[in-house]
């Protein structure tokens, strides 16, 4: 990200402005307190991190793909619990009576 910010600063005359911290959920587990570099004008967004998202995986696509391939709502709930570390009730998944 540092080199990417340097390239941004060469193209746009602005000033480096430290960093901010954020968390990111990945397929390998959560990454906490990432230091994301920023610039004063706010027009720098690292390509490495998804912009304005807290997860690097699209859970809605994963859920629909699992359901479309025949996974049960119980299996999908277990998958989400393993990946996200949070419990999702079967009633909130596709194929449940509420959908």
N, C-alpha and C. Protein backbone atom coordinates (compact mmCIF):
# COMPACT_ATOMS: atom_id res chain seq x y z
N UNK A 1 0.82 -1.19 0.00
CA UNK A 1 0.00 0.00 0.00
C UNK A 1 0.86 1.25 0.00
N UNK A 2 2.03 1.17 0.62
CA UNK A 2 2.91 2.33 0.68
C UNK A 2 3.35 2.76 -0.71
N UNK A 3 3.76 1.79 -1.53
CA UNK A 3 4.19 2.12 -2.89
C UNK A 3 3.03 2.62 -3.74
N UNK A 4 1.86 2.03 -3.53
CA UNK A 4 0.68 2.47 -4.26
C UNK A 4 0.33 3.92 -3.90
N UNK A 5 0.47 4.27 -2.63
CA UNK A 5 0.21 5.65 -2.23
C UNK A 5 1.25 6.59 -2.83
N UNK A 6 2.50 6.18 -2.88
CA UNK A 6 3.54 7.01 -3.49
C UNK A 6 3.23 7.29 -4.95
N UNK A 7 2.75 6.28 -5.68
CA UNK A 7 2.37 6.49 -7.08
C UNK A 7 1.20 7.48 -7.18
N UNK A 8 0.26 7.35 -6.28
CA UNK A 8 -0.88 8.29 -6.25
C UNK A 8 -0.41 9.71 -5.99
N UNK A 9 0.54 9.87 -5.08
CA UNK A 9 1.05 11.21 -4.76
C UNK A 9 1.82 11.82 -5.93
N UNK A 10 2.46 10.97 -6.75
CA UNK A 10 3.17 11.49 -7.93
C UNK A 10 2.18 12.01 -8.97
N UNK A 11 1.05 11.34 -9.11
CA UNK A 11 0.07 11.71 -10.12
C UNK A 11 -0.82 12.87 -9.68
N UNK A 12 -1.12 12.94 -8.39
CA UNK A 12 -2.02 13.98 -7.88
C UNK A 12 -1.29 14.76 -6.79
N UNK A 13 -1.16 16.05 -6.96
CA UNK A 13 -0.45 16.85 -5.95
C UNK A 13 -1.27 16.98 -4.66
N UNK A 14 -0.99 16.15 -3.72
CA UNK A 14 -1.62 16.19 -2.41
C UNK A 14 -0.60 15.76 -1.38
N UNK A 15 -1.01 15.60 -0.15
CA UNK A 15 -0.09 15.29 0.93
C UNK A 15 -0.48 13.98 1.59
N UNK A 16 0.51 13.16 1.91
CA UNK A 16 0.25 11.94 2.68
C UNK A 16 -0.29 12.35 4.04
N UNK A 17 -1.24 11.56 4.55
CA UNK A 17 -1.91 11.97 5.78
C UNK A 17 -2.03 10.79 6.75
N UNK A 18 -0.96 10.05 6.96
CA UNK A 18 -0.97 8.98 7.95
C UNK A 18 -1.79 7.79 7.53
N UNK A 19 -2.56 7.26 8.47
CA UNK A 19 -3.35 6.07 8.21
C UNK A 19 -4.57 6.04 9.13
N UNK A 20 -5.48 5.15 8.82
CA UNK A 20 -6.60 4.85 9.71
C UNK A 20 -6.63 3.35 9.90
N UNK A 21 -7.31 2.88 10.92
CA UNK A 21 -7.36 1.44 11.17
C UNK A 21 -8.74 0.91 10.82
N UNK A 22 -8.76 -0.34 10.39
CA UNK A 22 -10.02 -1.03 10.09
C UNK A 22 -9.82 -2.52 10.22
N UNK A 23 -10.92 -3.24 10.32
CA UNK A 23 -10.91 -4.70 10.38
C UNK A 23 -11.38 -5.23 9.04
N UNK A 24 -10.94 -6.45 8.71
CA UNK A 24 -11.32 -7.07 7.45
C UNK A 24 -11.51 -8.56 7.68
N UNK A 25 -12.63 -9.09 7.22
CA UNK A 25 -12.90 -10.51 7.30
C UNK A 25 -12.45 -11.15 6.00
N UNK A 26 -11.58 -12.16 6.09
CA UNK A 26 -11.09 -12.87 4.91
C UNK A 26 -11.47 -14.34 5.02
N UNK A 27 -11.21 -15.09 3.97
CA UNK A 27 -11.46 -16.53 4.02
C UNK A 27 -10.58 -17.23 5.05
N UNK A 28 -9.50 -16.59 5.43
CA UNK A 28 -8.57 -17.19 6.38
C UNK A 28 -8.81 -16.71 7.80
N UNK A 29 -9.84 -15.92 8.00
CA UNK A 29 -10.18 -15.42 9.31
C UNK A 29 -10.12 -13.91 9.36
N UNK A 30 -10.46 -13.33 10.49
CA UNK A 30 -10.49 -11.87 10.60
C UNK A 30 -9.09 -11.27 10.75
N UNK A 31 -8.87 -10.14 10.10
CA UNK A 31 -7.66 -9.34 10.28
C UNK A 31 -8.08 -8.09 11.03
N UNK A 32 -7.49 -7.87 12.17
CA UNK A 32 -7.90 -6.75 13.01
C UNK A 32 -6.86 -5.65 13.03
N UNK A 33 -7.31 -4.43 13.14
CA UNK A 33 -6.47 -3.23 13.27
C UNK A 33 -5.48 -3.07 12.12
N UNK A 34 -5.97 -3.25 10.88
CA UNK A 34 -5.12 -2.98 9.72
C UNK A 34 -4.87 -1.48 9.63
N UNK A 35 -3.67 -1.11 9.32
CA UNK A 35 -3.33 0.30 9.15
C UNK A 35 -3.40 0.63 7.66
N UNK A 36 -4.43 1.34 7.27
CA UNK A 36 -4.67 1.69 5.87
C UNK A 36 -4.18 3.11 5.64
N UNK A 37 -3.26 3.25 4.70
CA UNK A 37 -2.69 4.56 4.39
C UNK A 37 -3.73 5.46 3.73
N UNK A 38 -3.58 6.76 3.93
CA UNK A 38 -4.49 7.72 3.33
C UNK A 38 -3.74 8.97 2.89
N UNK A 39 -4.43 9.80 2.10
CA UNK A 39 -3.89 11.07 1.66
C UNK A 39 -4.86 12.18 2.07
N UNK A 40 -4.38 13.40 2.09
CA UNK A 40 -5.18 14.53 2.58
C UNK A 40 -6.46 14.73 1.78
N UNK A 41 -6.37 14.65 0.46
CA UNK A 41 -7.53 14.93 -0.39
C UNK A 41 -8.55 13.79 -0.38
N UNK A 42 -8.20 12.62 0.10
CA UNK A 42 -9.15 11.52 0.21
C UNK A 42 -9.42 10.76 -1.07
N UNK A 43 -8.61 10.97 -2.10
CA UNK A 43 -8.85 10.28 -3.36
C UNK A 43 -7.99 9.03 -3.54
N UNK A 44 -7.39 8.54 -2.48
CA UNK A 44 -6.56 7.34 -2.54
C UNK A 44 -7.30 6.18 -1.86
N UNK A 45 -7.47 5.08 -2.60
CA UNK A 45 -8.08 3.87 -2.06
C UNK A 45 -7.23 2.69 -2.50
N UNK A 46 -6.56 2.01 -1.57
CA UNK A 46 -5.69 0.89 -1.95
C UNK A 46 -6.45 -0.20 -2.69
N UNK A 47 -5.88 -0.69 -3.75
CA UNK A 47 -6.51 -1.75 -4.55
C UNK A 47 -6.51 -3.08 -3.80
N UNK A 48 -5.63 -3.21 -2.83
CA UNK A 48 -5.51 -4.44 -2.05
C UNK A 48 -6.75 -4.70 -1.20
N UNK A 49 -7.39 -3.64 -0.73
CA UNK A 49 -8.55 -3.78 0.15
C UNK A 49 -9.83 -3.41 -0.59
N UNK A 50 -10.90 -4.16 -0.36
CA UNK A 50 -12.17 -3.78 -0.99
C UNK A 50 -12.66 -2.45 -0.42
N UNK A 51 -13.05 -1.54 -1.30
CA UNK A 51 -13.47 -0.20 -0.89
C UNK A 51 -14.83 -0.25 -0.20
N UNK A 52 -14.89 0.33 1.00
CA UNK A 52 -16.11 0.44 1.79
C UNK A 52 -16.75 -0.90 2.11
N UNK A 53 -15.96 -1.94 2.24
CA UNK A 53 -16.48 -3.25 2.63
C UNK A 53 -15.65 -3.79 3.76
N UNK A 54 -16.27 -4.49 4.66
CA UNK A 54 -15.59 -5.07 5.81
C UNK A 54 -15.20 -6.52 5.59
N UNK A 55 -15.52 -7.04 4.43
CA UNK A 55 -15.19 -8.43 4.13
C UNK A 55 -14.60 -8.53 2.74
N UNK A 56 -13.66 -9.42 2.56
CA UNK A 56 -13.05 -9.58 1.25
C UNK A 56 -13.79 -10.63 0.42
N UNK A 57 -14.79 -11.26 1.02
CA UNK A 57 -15.58 -12.25 0.29
C UNK A 57 -17.01 -11.74 0.21
N UNK A 58 -17.68 -12.05 -0.86
CA UNK A 58 -19.06 -11.64 -1.02
C UNK A 58 -19.95 -12.76 -0.49
N UNK A 59 -20.42 -12.60 0.73
CA UNK A 59 -21.17 -13.65 1.39
C UNK A 59 -22.49 -13.95 0.70
N UNK A 60 -23.14 -12.94 0.16
CA UNK A 60 -24.43 -13.20 -0.50
C UNK A 60 -24.24 -14.11 -1.70
N UNK A 61 -23.17 -13.89 -2.47
CA UNK A 61 -22.90 -14.77 -3.61
C UNK A 61 -22.56 -16.18 -3.14
N UNK A 62 -21.77 -16.28 -2.07
CA UNK A 62 -21.40 -17.59 -1.54
C UNK A 62 -22.64 -18.35 -1.05
N UNK A 63 -23.54 -17.65 -0.37
CA UNK A 63 -24.76 -18.30 0.14
C UNK A 63 -25.61 -18.79 -1.01
N UNK A 64 -25.83 -17.95 -2.01
CA UNK A 64 -26.67 -18.35 -3.15
C UNK A 64 -26.04 -19.48 -3.94
N UNK A 65 -24.72 -19.47 -4.09
CA UNK A 65 -24.04 -20.56 -4.79
C UNK A 65 -24.17 -21.87 -4.03
N UNK A 66 -23.96 -21.81 -2.72
CA UNK A 66 -24.12 -23.03 -1.91
C UNK A 66 -25.54 -23.57 -2.01
N UNK A 67 -26.52 -22.69 -1.92
CA UNK A 67 -27.91 -23.12 -2.00
C UNK A 67 -28.24 -23.70 -3.37
N UNK A 68 -27.75 -23.05 -4.43
CA UNK A 68 -28.02 -23.51 -5.79
C UNK A 68 -27.38 -24.86 -6.08
N UNK A 69 -26.29 -25.17 -5.41
CA UNK A 69 -25.64 -26.46 -5.64
C UNK A 69 -26.17 -27.56 -4.74
N UNK A 70 -27.22 -27.24 -3.96
CA UNK A 70 -27.89 -28.28 -3.19
C UNK A 70 -27.50 -28.36 -1.73
N UNK A 71 -26.74 -27.42 -1.22
CA UNK A 71 -26.39 -27.44 0.20
C UNK A 71 -27.63 -27.11 1.02
N UNK A 72 -27.79 -27.78 2.13
CA UNK A 72 -28.94 -27.51 3.00
C UNK A 72 -28.72 -26.20 3.75
N UNK A 73 -29.81 -25.65 4.27
CA UNK A 73 -29.69 -24.42 5.04
C UNK A 73 -28.87 -24.66 6.30
N UNK A 74 -28.94 -25.85 6.83
CA UNK A 74 -28.12 -26.18 8.01
C UNK A 74 -26.63 -26.17 7.64
N UNK A 75 -26.29 -26.73 6.47
CA UNK A 75 -24.89 -26.72 6.02
C UNK A 75 -24.40 -25.30 5.76
N UNK A 76 -25.26 -24.49 5.16
CA UNK A 76 -24.89 -23.10 4.88
C UNK A 76 -24.67 -22.34 6.18
N UNK A 77 -25.53 -22.57 7.15
CA UNK A 77 -25.38 -21.93 8.46
C UNK A 77 -24.07 -22.33 9.12
N UNK A 78 -23.72 -23.61 9.02
CA UNK A 78 -22.44 -24.09 9.59
C UNK A 78 -21.25 -23.45 8.86
N UNK A 79 -21.36 -23.36 7.54
CA UNK A 79 -20.29 -22.72 6.75
C UNK A 79 -20.08 -21.28 7.19
N UNK A 80 -21.17 -20.52 7.31
CA UNK A 80 -21.07 -19.12 7.71
C UNK A 80 -20.51 -18.98 9.11
N UNK A 81 -20.88 -19.89 9.98
CA UNK A 81 -20.35 -19.85 11.34
C UNK A 81 -18.85 -20.11 11.34
N UNK A 82 -18.40 -21.04 10.50
CA UNK A 82 -16.97 -21.35 10.44
C UNK A 82 -16.18 -20.20 9.82
N UNK A 83 -16.71 -19.59 8.76
CA UNK A 83 -15.99 -18.52 8.06
C UNK A 83 -16.06 -17.20 8.81
N UNK A 84 -17.25 -16.83 9.25
CA UNK A 84 -17.45 -15.51 9.86
C UNK A 84 -17.31 -15.52 11.37
N UNK A 85 -17.42 -16.68 11.97
CA UNK A 85 -17.36 -16.74 13.41
C UNK A 85 -18.64 -16.26 14.07
N UNK A 86 -19.71 -16.19 13.30
CA UNK A 86 -21.00 -15.76 13.84
C UNK A 86 -22.06 -16.76 13.42
N UNK A 87 -23.06 -16.91 14.25
CA UNK A 87 -24.15 -17.84 13.98
C UNK A 87 -25.23 -17.14 13.17
N UNK A 88 -25.66 -17.76 12.08
CA UNK A 88 -26.76 -17.26 11.28
C UNK A 88 -27.88 -18.30 11.34
N UNK A 89 -29.04 -17.93 11.86
CA UNK A 89 -30.13 -18.90 11.96
C UNK A 89 -30.60 -19.35 10.59
N UNK A 90 -31.04 -20.59 10.50
CA UNK A 90 -31.48 -21.14 9.22
C UNK A 90 -32.63 -20.33 8.64
N UNK A 91 -33.43 -19.71 9.48
CA UNK A 91 -34.59 -18.95 9.00
C UNK A 91 -34.18 -17.73 8.16
N UNK A 92 -32.95 -17.27 8.29
CA UNK A 92 -32.52 -16.09 7.54
C UNK A 92 -31.84 -16.46 6.24
N UNK A 93 -31.79 -17.75 5.89
CA UNK A 93 -31.11 -18.20 4.68
C UNK A 93 -32.12 -18.53 3.59
N UNK A 94 -31.67 -18.56 2.31
CA UNK A 94 -32.58 -18.94 1.22
C UNK A 94 -33.10 -20.35 1.44
N UNK A 95 -34.32 -20.57 1.02
CA UNK A 95 -34.90 -21.90 1.14
C UNK A 95 -35.65 -22.11 2.45
N UNK A 96 -35.50 -21.19 3.38
CA UNK A 96 -36.21 -21.31 4.64
C UNK A 96 -37.64 -20.79 4.42
N UNK A 97 -38.56 -21.08 5.30
CA UNK A 97 -39.95 -20.67 5.10
C UNK A 97 -40.14 -19.17 4.92
N UNK A 98 -39.28 -18.33 5.48
CA UNK A 98 -39.42 -16.88 5.34
C UNK A 98 -39.02 -16.40 3.97
N UNK A 99 -38.22 -17.16 3.19
CA UNK A 99 -37.76 -16.70 1.88
C UNK A 99 -38.84 -16.97 0.92
